[in-house]
Amino acid sequence: MAKHRSDSTRLGVLDIGSNTIHMLIVDAAPGSRPDPEASAKSTVRLMQYLKEDGSIKKSGAEAILGGVDRGMKLAEEYNVTQLLPMATSALREAPNGNKILQQIEQRIGQGVAVLSGNDEARLTFLAARRWYGWDAGRLLVLDIGGGSLEVALGSDEDPSLAMSVPAGAGRITRELLPEGMASSKALDSVRAKVREILEPIGKSYDGETNPNHAVATSKTFRSLARLAGNQVRSPGGDDSWIMTREQLDDWIPRLAAISPGQRVALPGITVERTVQIVGGGIVASEIMRRLGVEQVEICPWALREGAILRWLDQFGRTRLGF
């Protein structure tokens, strides 16, 4: 375990998402990078536990609570002094989400912040802005989760446009591609339905000034970029992945034609993403097409880092006391 700095806070972010329950622990200090000290992730894929009315089955609630327990065990091992628990679209929308949230809060001993889609977009945008800096100019950030897609655009640390629509990789797969496979004709049908879901973002975006730099976050985009994109070496800095829409569109029909079990042999496709990677790829392709984005760069920081940075901005202290 790394030595704890006197001017820092050992902070844990408990991210209760649609795909995973993730605990990220950092030694957080104002002016320092929130680099991970430790992390624990439990794959849940909550969309598979939803009933017809959108409520979460008992087995799904048990999976969530199990993931929370594993995350809290790590927090105890690292003597976390500040916990930031947050839940995203899955619990936000489920009819019995509040009941499960109460069980989580009893387990961890404090309240859980339930983020709106707008909240998610803004926190993720903050993380991307701090990663790329002001030199990136007007920044567009795309983030595909399990249940929703977030889009944010702006020139400052707070975006001028921040929106969310129900087009997460898990949701699209469950509703439109339950087998994870599809013919070319079926893919065209899925694309058409996804375009309808994305249109509110497109209409809001139409009046905005185009970005100087387009970036993407989330495991879905990272997986797709490792499969279809290119790694760019940066001397003395962090390497990055770049993916064009043309590269992505070349891979989607090939992915859809092979079984999920076979996809795990492909670069970037982990076991937990094998079924929903086609749905996620279609969402990525269609939002890039609708917003006129030809390529994206994968940003290493996302929602959890944004939450840490926001907490430091609000409650962190410098050695000068202001």
Protein backbone atom coordinates (compact mmCIF):
# COMPACT_ATOMS: atom_id res chain seq x y z
CA MET A 1 0.00 0.00 0.00
CA ALA A 2 1.35 3.42 -0.96
CA LYS A 3 2.36 5.83 1.79
CA HIS A 4 -0.40 8.30 2.66
CA ARG A 5 0.58 11.95 2.12
CA SER A 6 -0.01 14.44 4.94
CA ASP A 7 -1.77 16.95 2.65
CA SER A 8 -4.06 14.45 0.95
CA THR A 9 -7.28 12.54 1.54
CA ARG A 10 -7.57 8.83 0.88
CA LEU A 11 -10.76 8.97 -1.12
CA GLY A 12 -12.93 6.18 -2.47
CA VAL A 13 -15.42 6.59 -5.31
CA LEU A 14 -18.12 3.93 -5.33
CA ASP A 15 -19.64 4.01 -8.82
CA ILE A 16 -22.84 1.95 -9.03
CA GLY A 17 -23.43 1.72 -12.76
CA SER A 18 -25.48 -0.35 -15.18
CA ASN A 19 -22.61 -2.65 -16.13
CA THR A 20 -20.32 -2.63 -13.13
CA ILE A 21 -19.97 -1.71 -9.48
CA HIS A 22 -16.57 -0.03 -9.29
CA MET A 23 -14.60 1.20 -6.29
CA LEU A 24 -11.73 3.53 -7.18
CA ILE A 25 -9.35 4.61 -4.42
CA VAL A 26 -7.00 7.58 -4.80
CA ASP A 27 -4.73 9.61 -2.56
CA ALA A 28 -6.42 12.88 -3.50
CA ALA A 29 -4.85 16.29 -3.04
CA PRO A 30 -5.57 19.70 -4.60
CA GLY A 31 -3.42 20.26 -7.67
CA SER A 32 -2.47 16.58 -8.01
CA ARG A 33 -3.56 14.00 -10.56
CA PRO A 34 -6.20 11.61 -9.17
CA ASP A 35 -4.19 8.55 -10.14
CA PRO A 36 -5.62 5.23 -8.90
CA GLU A 37 -4.09 3.69 -5.81
CA ALA A 38 -6.35 0.65 -5.94
CA SER A 39 -9.61 -0.44 -7.54
CA ALA A 40 -12.14 -3.25 -7.43
CA LYS A 41 -14.72 -3.96 -10.10
CA SER A 42 -17.69 -6.32 -10.10
CA THR A 43 -19.42 -7.00 -13.41
CA VAL A 44 -23.19 -6.91 -12.95
CA ARG A 45 -24.74 -6.19 -16.39
CA LEU A 46 -27.91 -5.02 -14.72
CA MET A 47 -29.94 -4.94 -17.94
CA GLN A 48 -30.17 -8.74 -17.81
CA TYR A 49 -31.97 -8.50 -14.45
CA LEU A 50 -34.76 -6.13 -15.49
CA LYS A 51 -38.41 -7.18 -15.43
CA GLU A 52 -40.92 -6.10 -18.06
CA ASP A 53 -41.83 -2.99 -16.05
CA GLY A 54 -38.17 -1.99 -15.68
CA SER A 55 -37.85 -3.01 -12.04
CA ILE A 56 -34.81 -4.97 -10.89
CA LYS A 57 -35.18 -8.66 -10.03
CA LYS A 58 -34.16 -9.97 -6.63
CA SER A 59 -31.12 -11.65 -8.18
CA GLY A 60 -30.09 -8.31 -9.68
CA ALA A 61 -30.39 -6.57 -6.32
CA GLU A 62 -28.23 -9.30 -4.79
CA ALA A 63 -25.63 -8.81 -7.52
CA ILE A 64 -25.55 -5.07 -6.83
CA LEU A 65 -25.22 -5.52 -3.09
CA GLY A 66 -22.48 -8.11 -3.58
CA GLY A 67 -20.55 -5.65 -5.72
CA VAL A 68 -21.01 -2.92 -3.12
CA ASP A 69 -19.72 -5.25 -0.39
CA ARG A 70 -16.60 -6.08 -2.42
CA GLY A 71 -15.94 -2.40 -3.03
CA MET A 72 -16.39 -1.52 0.64
CA LYS A 73 -14.03 -4.31 1.68
CA LEU A 74 -11.31 -2.69 -0.42
CA ALA A 75 -12.14 0.73 1.07
CA GLU A 76 -11.69 -0.72 4.56
CA GLU A 77 -8.36 -2.30 3.60
CA TYR A 78 -7.08 1.10 2.41
CA ASN A 79 -8.50 3.04 5.35
CA VAL A 80 -10.53 5.35 3.13
CA THR A 81 -11.45 8.52 5.02
CA GLN A 82 -13.79 10.03 2.44
CA LEU A 83 -16.31 7.98 0.44
CA LEU A 84 -18.13 9.33 -2.62
CA PRO A 85 -20.91 6.87 -3.50
CA MET A 86 -22.92 7.54 -6.64
CA ALA A 87 -25.48 5.70 -8.72
CA THR A 88 -26.26 6.26 -12.38
CA SER A 89 -29.09 5.45 -14.82
CA ALA A 90 -29.99 1.88 -13.81
CA LEU A 91 -31.05 2.66 -10.24
CA ARG A 92 -32.27 6.12 -11.24
CA GLU A 93 -34.91 4.67 -13.55
CA ALA A 94 -35.94 1.39 -11.91
CA PRO A 95 -39.34 1.50 -10.14
CA ASN A 96 -37.79 -0.31 -7.16
CA GLY A 97 -34.49 1.57 -7.37
CA ASN A 98 -35.15 3.55 -4.18
CA LYS A 99 -35.64 0.37 -2.18
CA ILE A 100 -32.30 -1.00 -3.37
CA LEU A 101 -30.64 2.35 -2.70
CA GLN A 102 -31.86 2.21 0.90
CA GLN A 103 -30.25 -1.21 1.29
CA ILE A 104 -26.99 0.12 -0.15
CA GLU A 105 -27.05 3.12 2.18
CA GLN A 106 -27.60 0.88 5.20
CA ARG A 107 -24.57 -1.17 4.17
CA ILE A 108 -22.19 1.75 3.61
CA GLY A 109 -23.48 4.00 6.38
CA GLN A 110 -24.18 7.09 4.30
CA GLY A 111 -26.33 8.42 1.49
CA VAL A 112 -25.77 7.71 -2.19
CA ALA A 113 -25.84 10.52 -4.75
CA VAL A 114 -28.17 9.52 -7.59
CA LEU A 115 -26.86 11.32 -10.64
CA SER A 116 -29.06 12.56 -13.44
CA GLY A 117 -27.88 12.07 -16.99
CA ASN A 118 -27.00 15.76 -17.05
CA ASP A 119 -24.89 15.31 -13.90
CA GLU A 120 -23.03 12.41 -15.49
CA ALA A 121 -22.34 14.43 -18.63
CA ARG A 122 -21.01 17.41 -16.68
CA LEU A 123 -18.74 15.41 -14.38
CA THR A 124 -17.33 13.44 -17.29
CA PHE A 125 -16.77 16.65 -19.22
CA LEU A 126 -14.87 18.14 -16.26
CA ALA A 127 -12.56 15.11 -16.19
CA ALA A 128 -11.88 15.36 -19.93
CA ARG A 129 -11.26 19.10 -19.73
CA ARG A 130 -8.70 18.66 -16.94
CA TRP A 131 -7.03 15.83 -18.86
CA TYR A 132 -6.64 17.75 -22.13
CA GLY A 133 -6.37 21.25 -20.70
CA TRP A 134 -7.43 24.57 -22.16
CA ASP A 135 -5.31 24.06 -25.28
CA ALA A 136 -7.90 21.55 -26.50
CA GLY A 137 -10.26 24.46 -27.16
CA ARG A 138 -13.92 23.68 -27.64
CA LEU A 139 -14.28 20.10 -26.44
CA LEU A 140 -16.88 17.47 -27.36
CA VAL A 141 -17.15 14.49 -24.99
CA LEU A 142 -19.07 11.28 -25.79
CA ASP A 143 -19.69 8.66 -23.09
CA ILE A 144 -21.55 5.36 -23.62
CA GLY A 145 -22.63 3.61 -20.43
CA GLY A 146 -24.72 0.52 -19.93
CA GLY A 147 -28.03 2.34 -19.77
CA SER A 148 -27.45 5.74 -21.32
CA LEU A 149 -25.35 7.89 -23.63
CA GLU A 150 -24.04 11.24 -22.42
CA VAL A 151 -22.85 14.06 -24.66
CA ALA A 152 -21.25 17.31 -23.49
CA LEU A 153 -19.76 20.23 -25.40
CA GLY A 154 -18.10 23.43 -24.33
CA SER A 155 -15.13 25.76 -24.12
CA ASP A 156 -14.95 26.00 -20.32
CA GLU A 157 -14.93 23.50 -17.45
CA ASP A 158 -18.73 23.52 -17.34
CA PRO A 159 -20.18 22.53 -20.74
CA SER A 160 -22.61 24.73 -22.63
CA LEU A 161 -24.42 21.56 -23.77
CA ALA A 162 -24.89 18.49 -21.56
CA MET A 163 -27.44 15.83 -22.49
CA SER A 164 -28.29 12.20 -21.88
CA VAL A 165 -30.49 9.76 -23.79
CA PRO A 166 -31.40 6.09 -23.09
CA ALA A 167 -28.92 4.64 -25.59
CA GLY A 168 -26.48 2.70 -23.43
CA ALA A 169 -24.77 -0.38 -24.86
CA GLY A 170 -26.59 -2.73 -22.48
CA ARG A 171 -30.00 -1.15 -23.04
CA ILE A 172 -29.74 -1.16 -26.85
CA THR A 173 -28.59 -4.78 -26.77
CA ARG A 174 -31.42 -5.87 -24.49
CA GLU A 175 -34.11 -4.05 -26.45
CA LEU A 176 -32.88 -4.34 -30.03
CA LEU A 177 -30.12 -6.99 -30.21
CA PRO A 178 -30.90 -9.58 -27.52
CA GLU A 179 -28.70 -12.26 -29.13
CA GLY A 180 -25.87 -9.82 -29.76
CA MET A 181 -25.79 -10.90 -33.42
CA ALA A 182 -27.57 -9.56 -36.51
CA SER A 183 -27.69 -9.69 -40.30
CA SER A 184 -26.89 -6.61 -42.36
CA LYS A 185 -30.61 -5.94 -42.81
CA ALA A 186 -31.24 -6.24 -39.08
CA LEU A 187 -28.33 -3.90 -38.36
CA ASP A 188 -29.89 -1.29 -40.63
CA SER A 189 -33.12 -1.55 -38.63
CA VAL A 190 -31.27 -1.17 -35.31
CA ARG A 191 -29.38 1.83 -36.66
CA ALA A 192 -32.65 3.50 -37.68
CA LYS A 193 -34.11 3.04 -34.20
CA VAL A 194 -30.93 4.31 -32.53
CA ARG A 195 -31.01 7.40 -34.74
CA GLU A 196 -34.50 8.16 -33.42
CA ILE A 197 -33.28 7.91 -29.82
CA LEU A 198 -30.31 10.18 -30.54
CA GLU A 199 -32.27 12.88 -32.35
CA PRO A 200 -32.93 15.09 -29.27
CA ILE A 201 -29.17 15.42 -28.85
CA GLY A 202 -28.74 16.10 -32.55
CA LYS A 203 -31.32 18.88 -32.57
CA SER A 204 -29.75 20.58 -29.53
CA TYR A 205 -26.28 20.23 -31.02
CA ASP A 206 -27.25 21.76 -34.37
CA GLY A 207 -27.18 25.29 -32.95
CA GLU A 208 -23.75 24.87 -31.34
CA THR A 209 -20.33 25.82 -32.67
CA ASN A 210 -18.35 22.79 -33.84
CA PRO A 211 -15.70 21.43 -31.45
CA ASN A 212 -11.94 21.73 -31.84
CA HIS A 213 -11.42 18.30 -30.35
CA ALA A 214 -13.74 15.28 -30.01
CA VAL A 215 -13.02 12.70 -27.32
CA ALA A 216 -14.77 9.62 -25.99
CA THR A 217 -14.76 7.92 -22.61
CA SER A 218 -16.14 4.67 -21.16
CA LYS A 219 -15.18 1.03 -21.49
CA THR A 220 -17.35 0.62 -24.60
CA PHE A 221 -15.42 3.26 -26.54
CA ARG A 222 -12.08 1.98 -25.21
CA SER A 223 -12.89 -1.57 -26.30
CA LEU A 224 -13.97 -0.43 -29.75
CA ALA A 225 -10.87 1.73 -30.18
CA ARG A 226 -8.54 -1.13 -29.23
CA LEU A 227 -10.31 -3.29 -31.77
CA ALA A 228 -10.79 -0.88 -34.64
CA GLY A 229 -8.56 2.12 -33.96
CA ASN A 230 -4.89 2.97 -33.68
CA GLN A 231 -2.62 3.66 -30.75
CA VAL A 232 -0.74 6.93 -30.98
CA ARG A 233 2.62 7.05 -29.24
CA SER A 234 3.31 10.23 -27.30
CA PRO A 235 7.00 10.75 -26.41
CA GLY A 236 7.33 11.46 -22.71
CA GLY A 237 3.57 11.44 -22.19
CA ASP A 238 0.54 9.19 -22.13
CA ASP A 239 -0.17 7.09 -25.21
CA SER A 240 -3.66 7.48 -26.65
CA TRP A 241 -6.06 5.63 -28.91
CA ILE A 242 -7.68 7.21 -31.95
CA MET A 243 -10.66 5.71 -33.77
CA THR A 244 -12.34 6.93 -36.95
CA ARG A 245 -15.97 6.34 -37.81
CA GLU A 246 -14.84 4.62 -41.00
CA GLN A 247 -12.78 2.11 -38.98
CA LEU A 248 -15.70 1.51 -36.64
CA ASP A 249 -18.22 0.99 -39.44
CA ASP A 250 -15.90 -1.52 -41.06
CA TRP A 251 -15.90 -3.65 -37.91
CA ILE A 252 -19.57 -3.55 -36.84
CA PRO A 253 -20.97 -5.99 -39.46
CA ARG A 254 -18.04 -8.34 -38.89
CA LEU A 255 -18.65 -8.32 -35.14
CA ALA A 256 -22.38 -8.88 -35.66
CA ALA A 257 -21.71 -11.94 -37.82
CA ILE A 258 -19.77 -13.90 -35.18
CA SER A 259 -21.01 -15.29 -31.90
CA PRO A 260 -20.31 -13.42 -28.65
CA GLY A 261 -18.22 -16.36 -27.47
CA GLN A 262 -15.86 -15.94 -30.41
CA ARG A 263 -15.42 -12.21 -29.90
CA VAL A 264 -13.36 -12.59 -26.75
CA ALA A 265 -10.42 -13.64 -28.94
CA LEU A 266 -10.43 -10.19 -30.57
CA PRO A 267 -8.23 -7.36 -29.24
CA GLY A 268 -9.97 -5.13 -26.74
CA ILE A 269 -13.11 -7.28 -26.33
CA THR A 270 -13.35 -8.49 -22.74
CA VAL A 271 -15.72 -11.21 -21.57
CA GLU A 272 -18.20 -8.76 -20.05
CA ARG A 273 -18.45 -6.83 -23.35
CA THR A 274 -18.86 -9.69 -25.83
CA VAL A 275 -22.66 -9.55 -26.08
CA GLN A 276 -23.22 -5.79 -26.02
CA ILE A 277 -20.26 -4.62 -28.09
CA VAL A 278 -22.31 -4.54 -31.33
CA GLY A 279 -25.03 -2.44 -29.72
CA GLY A 280 -22.40 -0.13 -28.26
CA GLY A 281 -20.66 0.12 -31.62
CA ILE A 282 -23.88 1.14 -33.36
CA VAL A 283 -24.52 3.86 -30.76
CA ALA A 284 -20.93 5.10 -31.16
CA SER A 285 -21.18 5.14 -34.94
CA GLU A 286 -24.56 6.85 -35.05
CA ILE A 287 -23.76 9.60 -32.54
CA MET A 288 -20.51 10.33 -34.41
CA ARG A 289 -22.43 10.44 -37.70
CA ARG A 290 -25.19 12.67 -36.33
CA LEU A 291 -22.73 15.16 -34.83
CA GLY A 292 -20.43 15.15 -37.86
CA VAL A 293 -17.51 13.61 -35.96
CA GLU A 294 -15.04 11.71 -38.13
CA GLN A 295 -12.74 10.54 -35.34
CA VAL A 296 -12.48 10.47 -31.57
CA GLU A 297 -9.59 10.23 -29.15
CA ILE A 298 -10.07 8.03 -26.09
CA CYS A 299 -9.81 9.97 -22.83
CA PRO A 300 -8.43 7.96 -19.87
CA TRP A 301 -10.46 9.95 -17.33
CA ALA A 302 -14.25 9.81 -17.04
CA LEU A 303 -17.05 10.01 -14.48
CA ARG A 304 -15.16 8.77 -11.40
CA GLU A 305 -12.26 11.14 -11.96
CA GLY A 306 -14.74 13.95 -12.54
CA ALA A 307 -16.37 13.23 -9.18
CA ILE A 308 -12.97 13.33 -7.45
CA LEU A 309 -12.01 16.60 -9.13
CA ARG A 310 -15.35 18.18 -8.25
CA TRP A 311 -14.94 17.12 -4.61
CA LEU A 312 -11.43 18.57 -4.48
CA ASP A 313 -12.68 21.82 -6.00
CA GLN A 314 -15.40 22.10 -3.36
CA PHE A 315 -13.80 20.68 -0.23
CA GLY A 316 -10.06 20.32 -0.88
CA ARG A 317 -7.68 22.73 0.82
CA THR A 318 -4.30 24.00 -0.24
CA ARG A 319 -1.47 24.52 2.22
CA LEU A 320 -2.30 28.25 2.16
CA GLY A 321 -5.83 27.59 3.37
CA PHE A 322 -7.69 29.05 0.39
